[in-house]
Amino acid sequence: MWISFLGIGLMALSALVITFARSKTKGVVRIVLSLVAFVMLVLGFIYGVFTIIT
């Protein structure tokens, strides 16, 4: 159960980070924040799939 909460939290946090990155930043910072948000989204997805499988 806690792993699913972690996955949901990572997905929500990645949505907030990408929204912030696209609206408030420019250049390299925007790219870095977008990559961080993408990694968090993928990790959240993996945690969610792991929760469903087990």
N, C-alpha and C. Protein backbone atom coordinates (compact mmCIF):
# COMPACT_ATOMS: atom_id res chain seq x y z
N MET A 1 0.82 -1.18 0.00
CA MET A 1 0.00 0.00 0.00
C MET A 1 0.88 1.26 0.00
N TRP A 2 1.94 1.27 0.80
CA TRP A 2 2.79 2.45 0.86
C TRP A 2 3.52 2.69 -0.44
N ILE A 3 3.84 1.61 -1.15
CA ILE A 3 4.53 1.77 -2.44
C ILE A 3 3.60 2.44 -3.45
N SER A 4 2.32 2.10 -3.40
CA SER A 4 1.37 2.75 -4.32
C SER A 4 1.23 4.23 -3.98
N PHE A 5 1.23 4.58 -2.70
CA PHE A 5 1.19 5.99 -2.32
C PHE A 5 2.43 6.74 -2.81
N LEU A 6 3.57 6.08 -2.74
CA LEU A 6 4.81 6.67 -3.25
C LEU A 6 4.69 6.92 -4.75
N GLY A 7 4.16 5.94 -5.48
CA GLY A 7 3.98 6.11 -6.93
C GLY A 7 3.04 7.25 -7.27
N ILE A 8 1.92 7.32 -6.56
CA ILE A 8 0.96 8.40 -6.79
C ILE A 8 1.58 9.75 -6.46
N GLY A 9 2.31 9.81 -5.35
CA GLY A 9 2.97 11.05 -4.95
C GLY A 9 4.00 11.50 -5.96
N LEU A 10 4.79 10.56 -6.48
CA LEU A 10 5.79 10.92 -7.49
C LEU A 10 5.14 11.44 -8.76
N MET A 11 4.04 10.82 -9.16
CA MET A 11 3.35 11.29 -10.37
C MET A 11 2.77 12.69 -10.17
N ALA A 12 2.18 12.93 -9.01
CA ALA A 12 1.63 14.26 -8.73
C ALA A 12 2.74 15.30 -8.64
N LEU A 13 3.83 14.96 -7.99
CA LEU A 13 4.96 15.88 -7.87
C LEU A 13 5.58 16.18 -9.23
N SER A 14 5.65 15.18 -10.09
CA SER A 14 6.21 15.41 -11.42
C SER A 14 5.31 16.34 -12.23
N ALA A 15 4.00 16.23 -12.05
CA ALA A 15 3.09 17.15 -12.75
C ALA A 15 3.30 18.59 -12.27
N LEU A 16 3.49 18.76 -10.97
CA LEU A 16 3.75 20.11 -10.45
C LEU A 16 5.09 20.66 -10.94
N VAL A 17 6.11 19.82 -10.97
CA VAL A 17 7.44 20.27 -11.42
C VAL A 17 7.40 20.66 -12.88
N ILE A 18 6.75 19.85 -13.72
CA ILE A 18 6.71 20.18 -15.15
C ILE A 18 5.88 21.43 -15.40
N THR A 19 4.83 21.64 -14.63
CA THR A 19 4.04 22.86 -14.77
C THR A 19 4.86 24.07 -14.38
N PHE A 20 5.60 23.97 -13.28
CA PHE A 20 6.46 25.06 -12.86
C PHE A 20 7.56 25.32 -13.89
N ALA A 21 8.17 24.25 -14.38
CA ALA A 21 9.28 24.39 -15.33
C ALA A 21 8.83 25.08 -16.61
N ARG A 22 7.67 24.73 -17.09
CA ARG A 22 7.22 25.29 -18.36
C ARG A 22 6.67 26.70 -18.23
N SER A 23 6.23 27.08 -17.05
CA SER A 23 5.64 28.41 -16.93
C SER A 23 6.60 29.46 -16.36
N LYS A 24 7.56 29.04 -15.54
CA LYS A 24 8.37 30.02 -14.82
C LYS A 24 9.85 30.03 -15.18
N THR A 25 10.35 29.04 -15.90
CA THR A 25 11.78 28.97 -16.14
C THR A 25 12.10 28.99 -17.63
N LYS A 26 13.39 29.19 -17.92
CA LYS A 26 13.86 29.23 -19.30
C LYS A 26 15.21 28.52 -19.39
N GLY A 27 15.58 28.13 -20.58
CA GLY A 27 16.92 27.63 -20.85
C GLY A 27 17.23 26.29 -20.21
N VAL A 28 18.44 26.23 -19.68
CA VAL A 28 18.96 24.98 -19.12
C VAL A 28 18.16 24.54 -17.90
N VAL A 29 17.73 25.47 -17.08
CA VAL A 29 16.95 25.12 -15.89
C VAL A 29 15.65 24.43 -16.30
N ARG A 30 15.03 24.92 -17.34
CA ARG A 30 13.79 24.31 -17.83
C ARG A 30 14.03 22.88 -18.30
N ILE A 31 15.12 22.67 -19.01
CA ILE A 31 15.44 21.33 -19.50
C ILE A 31 15.73 20.39 -18.34
N VAL A 32 16.50 20.85 -17.37
CA VAL A 32 16.85 20.01 -16.22
C VAL A 32 15.60 19.66 -15.42
N LEU A 33 14.76 20.64 -15.16
CA LEU A 33 13.53 20.36 -14.40
C LEU A 33 12.60 19.42 -15.18
N SER A 34 12.55 19.57 -16.49
CA SER A 34 11.73 18.67 -17.29
C SER A 34 12.25 17.25 -17.24
N LEU A 35 13.56 17.08 -17.28
CA LEU A 35 14.14 15.74 -17.18
C LEU A 35 13.89 15.13 -15.80
N VAL A 36 14.02 15.93 -14.76
CA VAL A 36 13.75 15.44 -13.41
C VAL A 36 12.29 15.02 -13.29
N ALA A 37 11.39 15.82 -13.83
CA ALA A 37 9.96 15.48 -13.79
C ALA A 37 9.68 14.20 -14.57
N PHE A 38 10.35 14.02 -15.70
CA PHE A 38 10.15 12.81 -16.48
C PHE A 38 10.64 11.57 -15.73
N VAL A 39 11.78 11.68 -15.07
CA VAL A 39 12.30 10.56 -14.29
C VAL A 39 11.35 10.23 -13.13
N MET A 40 10.83 11.25 -12.46
CA MET A 40 9.88 11.01 -11.37
C MET A 40 8.61 10.34 -11.89
N LEU A 41 8.14 10.75 -13.08
CA LEU A 41 6.96 10.15 -13.67
C LEU A 41 7.19 8.67 -13.99
N VAL A 42 8.34 8.36 -14.55
CA VAL A 42 8.66 6.97 -14.88
C VAL A 42 8.78 6.13 -13.60
N LEU A 43 9.44 6.66 -12.59
CA LEU A 43 9.55 5.93 -11.33
C LEU A 43 8.18 5.71 -10.69
N GLY A 44 7.32 6.71 -10.74
CA GLY A 44 5.96 6.56 -10.22
C GLY A 44 5.19 5.48 -10.97
N PHE A 45 5.38 5.43 -12.28
CA PHE A 45 4.73 4.40 -13.09
C PHE A 45 5.25 3.01 -12.71
N ILE A 46 6.55 2.89 -12.54
CA ILE A 46 7.14 1.60 -12.17
C ILE A 46 6.63 1.14 -10.80
N TYR A 47 6.57 2.06 -9.84
CA TYR A 47 6.04 1.71 -8.52
C TYR A 47 4.58 1.29 -8.62
N GLY A 48 3.81 1.97 -9.46
CA GLY A 48 2.41 1.62 -9.63
C GLY A 48 2.23 0.23 -10.24
N VAL A 49 3.03 -0.08 -11.25
CA VAL A 49 2.96 -1.40 -11.88
C VAL A 49 3.41 -2.46 -10.90
N PHE A 50 4.45 -2.18 -10.13
CA PHE A 50 4.93 -3.13 -9.13
C PHE A 50 3.84 -3.44 -8.10
N THR A 51 3.08 -2.42 -7.74
CA THR A 51 1.99 -2.60 -6.77
C THR A 51 0.89 -3.49 -7.35
N ILE A 52 0.59 -3.31 -8.62
CA ILE A 52 -0.45 -4.12 -9.25
C ILE A 52 0.00 -5.57 -9.39
N ILE A 53 1.26 -5.79 -9.74
CA ILE A 53 1.76 -7.14 -9.96
C ILE A 53 1.83 -7.94 -8.66
N THR A 54 2.26 -7.30 -7.57
CA THR A 54 2.43 -8.05 -6.33
C THR A 54 1.21 -8.05 -5.47
